Amino acid sequence: MSAARYKKPTTDNSLFPGLFDDVEEYGFFPPRDKAAGLPDIEKEVERLRGKAIFNNGADDLTPMEDVKPADKLSFISFGSGSSGNCAYIGDTSGGLLIDAGVEADKVVDELRRYGIKMDHIRGILLTHDHSDHVRYVYPLVRKRPHMGVYCTPRVLNGMLRRHNISNRIKDYHHPIYKEHPFKVGNFEITAFEVLHDGTDNAGFFITRGRHALAVATDLGCVSERADYYMRRANHLMIEANYDSAMLAAGTYPEYLKARIRSDNGHLDNAVTAEYLARVYTPSLRNIFLCHLSRDNNRPEIALNAVETALAAIGVRVGNGSNTPYDRSAPLQLMALPRFDSTGLITLTL
């Protein structure tokens, strides 16, 4: 330990009383005969009022009931990858689902596990019309007229054309358009262009109070508009689909490998890692790596790529495990499980 901690004091502390030395002299208790017992409590309160220790509304303190609870959001991923994608974002009064590629009963049961009823869900945002993002949309909204399906008209048409989904989904559809903000409950959402080979693919920029969540899944490269919104996010859900070496050595046919590598395909771990290190600011609090390939990636590979890139610019990351060491990190990094739920994650700023 440093010797400075044990440096001899240069001030004569005898000139200052201790915390409870001669407190009667400083007026906190009235002079009394110690044999007479404790002072009368009511008289003591009145005396303290007269000394302005109890201030009759002259200070700036607000009543405890006016103090708002901490600004928090809740997040759950029910599954992420080509087997099915669905996530939840919500506050105490309502929430949204992002995509609907996970079995409806699993979503309902997992929400119930955390005390969230389907009455709480205001709508479903659909990023594009691929089956792993839309196949369970009708079972989720069926007989729940309070829920809307928010997607562009082209996504709706592509979904009905390509999949066996009930035409009654039109009764729940709320058409949205890219770069035109809309509100669902307490959330304001802006859809933005992402590059992929689905129909009219969109990412979402979702704000609530001071929170901003950007969702960019299924994209082959980071477009200008995707970059614009992701740079403004406190919480970022971004694809890290494949490891280039695993894809090159894998069994996929060459045409499929070329599709995955294209600008309308999926993001390589290294590209995602480089991008995150380039755009990181201290306002970014959570990164969720999504849509990891079952055949061409591993969570540990994707996490290591991003963690290494962030460490190179001096950023330490936690892994979302909520240990004291983990919570002390300025940024949390998780790979969303392919088949399993993350459980409820509290998003704070």
Foldseek 3Di string as FASTA:
>chain_A
DDCVVVDDDPDDCVVDDPPPPPVVVVPQADDDDVVVDHDDPVVSVVVVVVVCPPPPPPDDDDDPVPDDDADKKKKKWQFFAPQAGWMWIGDPQAIEIEFDQDAQVSVQVQCVVVPHHLLRYQEYEFQAQDNRGHVCVCVNCPVPLSYAYEDAPQRVVQNVVPDDDDPCNVVRYDHDDAPDWDDGPQKIKHWHDAAAPGTRGTWIWIDHVQATETEAFQFLAQDPGNLVRVLSHQAYEYEAAAAVVQLVPDDDDPVVSCNQNDRRHGHHLLRVLQSCLVSDDLSHAEYEHGHYYPRGDDQVVSVVNNQVSNVVVPAHAAAQPPDPVRVVGSYHYYYQHRRRMPRMHMDHD
